[in-house]
Amino acid sequence: MPKAKKKQEIEVYETLGPNECLIISKTEKDMLVACNKKGEIEVKRIKIPNPED
């Protein structure tokens, strides 16, 4: 059995200004977003509305 390769982790640093948001990931159903609200970073998952609903 071949040895499994170890994945290399790379740290990413982003600076968010006041009231800025950054989309971390997106799927068909939702997005993971980080927002700077008065110096506090809030990470939340936001549902994307489906126009067929």
C-alpha atoms as a PDB file:
ATOM      1  CA  MET A   1       0.000   0.000   0.000  1.00  0.00           C
ATOM      2  CA  PRO A   2       1.504   3.409  -0.959  1.00  0.00           C
ATOM      3  CA  LYS A   3       2.078   5.964   1.766  1.00  0.00           C
ATOM      4  CA  ALA A   4      -0.514   8.716   1.981  1.00  0.00           C
ATOM      5  CA  LYS A   5       0.854  12.167   1.303  1.00  0.00           C
ATOM      6  CA  LYS A   6       0.498  14.607   4.169  1.00  0.00           C
ATOM      7  CA  LYS A   7      -1.372  17.758   3.137  1.00  0.00           C
ATOM      8  CA  GLN A   8       0.541  20.961   3.703  1.00  0.00           C
ATOM      9  CA  GLU A   9      -1.439  23.609   5.548  1.00  0.00           C
ATOM     10  CA  ILE A  10      -0.913  27.213   4.521  1.00  0.00           C
ATOM     11  CA  GLU A  11      -2.045  29.971   6.845  1.00  0.00           C
ATOM     12  CA  VAL A  12      -3.861  32.866   5.195  1.00  0.00           C
ATOM     13  CA  TYR A  13      -4.142  36.243   6.853  1.00  0.00           C
ATOM     14  CA  GLU A  14      -6.658  38.837   5.706  1.00  0.00           C
ATOM     15  CA  THR A  15      -7.336  42.263   7.174  1.00  0.00           C
ATOM     16  CA  LEU A  16     -10.926  43.429   7.167  1.00  0.00           C
ATOM     17  CA  GLY A  17     -11.596  47.134   7.488  1.00  0.00           C
ATOM     18  CA  PRO A  18     -14.556  48.461   9.461  1.00  0.00           C
ATOM     19  CA  ASN A  19     -17.854  47.121   8.090  1.00  0.00           C
ATOM     20  CA  GLU A  20     -16.091  44.965   5.463  1.00  0.00           C
ATOM     21  CA  CYS A  21     -16.993  41.336   4.753  1.00  0.00           C
ATOM     22  CA  LEU A  22     -15.080  38.490   3.132  1.00  0.00           C
ATOM     23  CA  ILE A  23     -16.678  35.452   1.478  1.00  0.00           C
ATOM     24  CA  ILE A  24     -14.727  32.423   2.701  1.00  0.00           C
ATOM     25  CA  SER A  25     -16.583  29.751   0.737  1.00  0.00           C
ATOM     26  CA  LYS A  26     -19.723  29.392  -1.368  1.00  0.00           C
ATOM     27  CA  THR A  27     -21.942  26.453  -2.342  1.00  0.00           C
ATOM     28  CA  GLU A  28     -25.205  26.310  -4.264  1.00  0.00           C
ATOM     29  CA  LYS A  29     -27.136  26.680  -1.000  1.00  0.00           C
ATOM     30  CA  ASP A  30     -25.085  28.985   1.236  1.00  0.00           C
ATOM     31  CA  MET A  31     -21.979  31.107   1.840  1.00  0.00           C
ATOM     32  CA  LEU A  32     -19.547  31.253   4.747  1.00  0.00           C
ATOM     33  CA  VAL A  33     -18.795  34.928   5.441  1.00  0.00           C
ATOM     34  CA  ALA A  34     -16.541  36.810   7.878  1.00  0.00           C
ATOM     35  CA  CYS A  35     -17.535  40.402   8.703  1.00  0.00           C
ATOM     36  CA  ASN A  36     -15.819  43.107  10.775  1.00  0.00           C
ATOM     37  CA  LYS A  37     -18.447  44.809  12.928  1.00  0.00           C
ATOM     38  CA  LYS A  38     -16.876  47.589  15.019  1.00  0.00           C
ATOM     39  CA  GLY A  39     -13.641  45.621  15.485  1.00  0.00           C
ATOM     40  CA  GLU A  40     -15.311  42.278  16.281  1.00  0.00           C
ATOM     41  CA  ILE A  41     -15.083  39.575  13.609  1.00  0.00           C
ATOM     42  CA  GLU A  42     -18.294  37.628  13.087  1.00  0.00           C
ATOM     43  CA  VAL A  43     -18.233  34.423  11.023  1.00  0.00           C
ATOM     44  CA  LYS A  44     -21.607  33.179   9.822  1.00  0.00           C
ATOM     45  CA  ARG A  45     -23.206  30.975   7.207  1.00  0.00           C
ATOM     46  CA  ILE A  46     -25.781  32.770   5.029  1.00  0.00           C
ATOM     47  CA  LYS A  47     -28.449  30.911   3.059  1.00  0.00           C
ATOM     48  CA  ILE A  48     -28.684  31.876  -0.625  1.00  0.00           C
ATOM     49  CA  PRO A  49     -32.337  32.369  -1.620  1.00  0.00           C
ATOM     50  CA  ASN A  50     -33.643  29.961  -4.238  1.00  0.00           C
ATOM     51  CA  PRO A  51     -35.698  31.835  -6.877  1.00  0.00           C
ATOM     52  CA  GLU A  52     -37.753  28.675  -7.469  1.00  0.00           C
ATOM     53  CA  ASP A  53     -39.115  28.707  -3.893  1.00  0.00           C
END
